Amino acid sequence: MSTSTRPTIKIGTLAERLAASANVPLEQAIAGVRAHGPQPTRPNPSTAAWEHYQSLKVKNSQHAQEASSIETEQNTMPALIPQRVG
């Protein structure tokens, strides 16, 4: 019978695992979480709302600039109001 050496498996305590985690640089830990964490399929609703709001502000400011550059039309409102003949 041959004797085979079995690998030694070390089961760490919670304190040992926390100490090992504390030794990992923060940037590396964050990169690992992002790489293996859930990947959103849709943008964050708050971010999407903010971007939509910003795009509306840009459109409105562009529209206001265009409107201010257009010559003013003559006021035709008095011609539309019936005049009393008297």
C-alpha atoms as a PDB file:
ATOM      1  CA  MET A   1       0.000   0.000   0.000  1.00  0.00           C
ATOM      2  CA  SER A   2       1.338   3.368  -0.962  1.00  0.00           C
ATOM      3  CA  THR A   3       0.905   6.252   1.330  1.00  0.00           C
ATOM      4  CA  SER A   4      -0.174   9.452  -0.336  1.00  0.00           C
ATOM      5  CA  THR A   5       0.122  12.742   1.397  1.00  0.00           C
ATOM      6  CA  ARG A   6      -3.095  14.595   1.620  1.00  0.00           C
ATOM      7  CA  PRO A   7      -3.068  18.332   1.149  1.00  0.00           C
ATOM      8  CA  THR A   8      -3.419  20.323   4.293  1.00  0.00           C
ATOM      9  CA  ILE A   9      -6.471  22.503   4.250  1.00  0.00           C
ATOM     10  CA  LYS A  10      -6.458  25.409   6.621  1.00  0.00           C
ATOM     11  CA  ILE A  11      -9.780  26.798   7.672  1.00  0.00           C
ATOM     12  CA  GLY A  12      -9.188  30.302   8.910  1.00  0.00           C
ATOM     13  CA  THR A  13     -11.006  31.951  11.696  1.00  0.00           C
ATOM     14  CA  LEU A  14     -13.022  35.064  11.112  1.00  0.00           C
ATOM     15  CA  ALA A  15     -10.259  37.194  12.609  1.00  0.00           C
ATOM     16  CA  GLU A  16      -7.692  35.675  10.237  1.00  0.00           C
ATOM     17  CA  ARG A  17      -9.903  36.296   7.212  1.00  0.00           C
ATOM     18  CA  LEU A  18     -10.566  39.887   8.288  1.00  0.00           C
ATOM     19  CA  ALA A  19      -6.855  40.475   8.783  1.00  0.00           C
ATOM     20  CA  ALA A  20      -6.135  39.094   5.307  1.00  0.00           C
ATOM     21  CA  SER A  21      -8.829  41.321   3.803  1.00  0.00           C
ATOM     22  CA  ALA A  22      -7.410  44.356   5.575  1.00  0.00           C
ATOM     23  CA  ASN A  23      -4.064  43.782   3.876  1.00  0.00           C
ATOM     24  CA  VAL A  24      -5.576  44.151   0.382  1.00  0.00           C
ATOM     25  CA  PRO A  25      -5.176  47.712  -0.997  1.00  0.00           C
ATOM     26  CA  LEU A  26      -8.469  49.575  -1.279  1.00  0.00           C
ATOM     27  CA  GLU A  27      -8.175  50.193  -5.039  1.00  0.00           C
ATOM     28  CA  GLN A  28      -7.575  46.497  -5.661  1.00  0.00           C
ATOM     29  CA  ALA A  29     -10.515  45.516  -3.460  1.00  0.00           C
ATOM     30  CA  ILE A  30     -12.861  47.947  -5.241  1.00  0.00           C
ATOM     31  CA  ALA A  31     -11.670  46.730  -8.644  1.00  0.00           C
ATOM     32  CA  GLY A  32     -12.384  43.153  -7.583  1.00  0.00           C
ATOM     33  CA  VAL A  33     -15.878  44.003  -6.400  1.00  0.00           C
ATOM     34  CA  ARG A  34     -16.636  45.853  -9.636  1.00  0.00           C
ATOM     35  CA  ALA A  35     -15.272  43.043 -11.771  1.00  0.00           C
ATOM     36  CA  HIS A  36     -17.222  40.312  -9.997  1.00  0.00           C
ATOM     37  CA  GLY A  37     -20.197  42.230  -8.680  1.00  0.00           C
ATOM     38  CA  PRO A  38     -23.554  42.703 -10.351  1.00  0.00           C
ATOM     39  CA  GLN A  39     -23.426  44.597 -13.610  1.00  0.00           C
ATOM     40  CA  PRO A  40     -26.361  46.982 -14.035  1.00  0.00           C
ATOM     41  CA  THR A  41     -28.292  46.539 -17.252  1.00  0.00           C
ATOM     42  CA  ARG A  42     -29.969  49.923 -16.983  1.00  0.00           C
ATOM     43  CA  PRO A  43     -28.562  53.234 -15.771  1.00  0.00           C
ATOM     44  CA  ASN A  44     -29.247  54.376 -12.246  1.00  0.00           C
ATOM     45  CA  PRO A  45     -32.658  56.158 -12.298  1.00  0.00           C
ATOM     46  CA  SER A  46     -31.256  59.162 -10.426  1.00  0.00           C
ATOM     47  CA  THR A  47     -28.394  59.500 -12.895  1.00  0.00           C
ATOM     48  CA  ALA A  48     -30.722  59.110 -15.878  1.00  0.00           C
ATOM     49  CA  ALA A  49     -33.093  61.770 -14.496  1.00  0.00           C
ATOM     50  CA  TRP A  50     -30.222  64.183 -13.865  1.00  0.00           C
ATOM     51  CA  GLU A  51     -28.820  63.695 -17.381  1.00  0.00           C
ATOM     52  CA  HIS A  52     -32.299  64.236 -18.873  1.00  0.00           C
ATOM     53  CA  TYR A  53     -32.706  67.426 -16.827  1.00  0.00           C
ATOM     54  CA  GLN A  54     -29.305  68.686 -17.997  1.00  0.00           C
ATOM     55  CA  SER A  55     -30.170  67.968 -21.640  1.00  0.00           C
ATOM     56  CA  LEU A  56     -33.437  69.912 -21.256  1.00  0.00           C
ATOM     57  CA  LYS A  57     -31.568  72.881 -19.820  1.00  0.00           C
ATOM     58  CA  VAL A  58     -29.176  72.832 -22.784  1.00  0.00           C
ATOM     59  CA  LYS A  59     -32.038  72.595 -25.295  1.00  0.00           C
ATOM     60  CA  ASN A  60     -33.947  75.423 -23.599  1.00  0.00           C
ATOM     61  CA  SER A  61     -30.915  77.700 -23.532  1.00  0.00           C
ATOM     62  CA  GLN A  62     -30.247  76.986 -27.224  1.00  0.00           C
ATOM     63  CA  HIS A  63     -33.894  77.725 -28.035  1.00  0.00           C
ATOM     64  CA  ALA A  64     -33.742  80.975 -26.047  1.00  0.00           C
ATOM     65  CA  GLN A  65     -30.635  82.053 -27.945  1.00  0.00           C
ATOM     66  CA  GLU A  66     -32.318  81.306 -31.279  1.00  0.00           C
ATOM     67  CA  ALA A  67     -35.460  83.174 -30.248  1.00  0.00           C
ATOM     68  CA  SER A  68     -33.485  86.240 -29.186  1.00  0.00           C
ATOM     69  CA  SER A  69     -31.639  86.310 -32.505  1.00  0.00           C
ATOM     70  CA  ILE A  70     -34.856  86.293 -34.575  1.00  0.00           C
ATOM     71  CA  GLU A  71     -36.259  89.709 -35.462  1.00  0.00           C
ATOM     72  CA  THR A  72     -39.483  90.537 -33.728  1.00  0.00           C
ATOM     73  CA  GLU A  73     -42.635  90.359 -35.790  1.00  0.00           C
ATOM     74  CA  GLN A  74     -45.127  93.161 -35.948  1.00  0.00           C
ATOM     75  CA  ASN A  75     -47.889  92.905 -33.427  1.00  0.00           C
ATOM     76  CA  THR A  76     -51.047  91.934 -35.348  1.00  0.00           C
ATOM     77  CA  MET A  77     -53.191  91.640 -32.256  1.00  0.00           C
ATOM     78  CA  PRO A  78     -54.971  95.062 -32.602  1.00  0.00           C
ATOM     79  CA  ALA A  79     -56.097  94.114 -36.116  1.00  0.00           C
ATOM     80  CA  LEU A  80     -57.777  91.001 -34.738  1.00  0.00           C
ATOM     81  CA  ILE A  81     -59.828  92.848 -32.123  1.00  0.00           C
ATOM     82  CA  PRO A  82     -63.172  94.071 -33.506  1.00  0.00           C
ATOM     83  CA  GLN A  83     -63.465  97.834 -33.488  1.00  0.00           C
ATOM     84  CA  ARG A  84     -66.656  99.607 -32.474  1.00  0.00           C
ATOM     85  CA  VAL A  85     -68.115 101.763 -35.138  1.00  0.00           C
ATOM     86  CA  GLY A  86     -69.819 104.502 -33.487  1.00  0.00           C
END
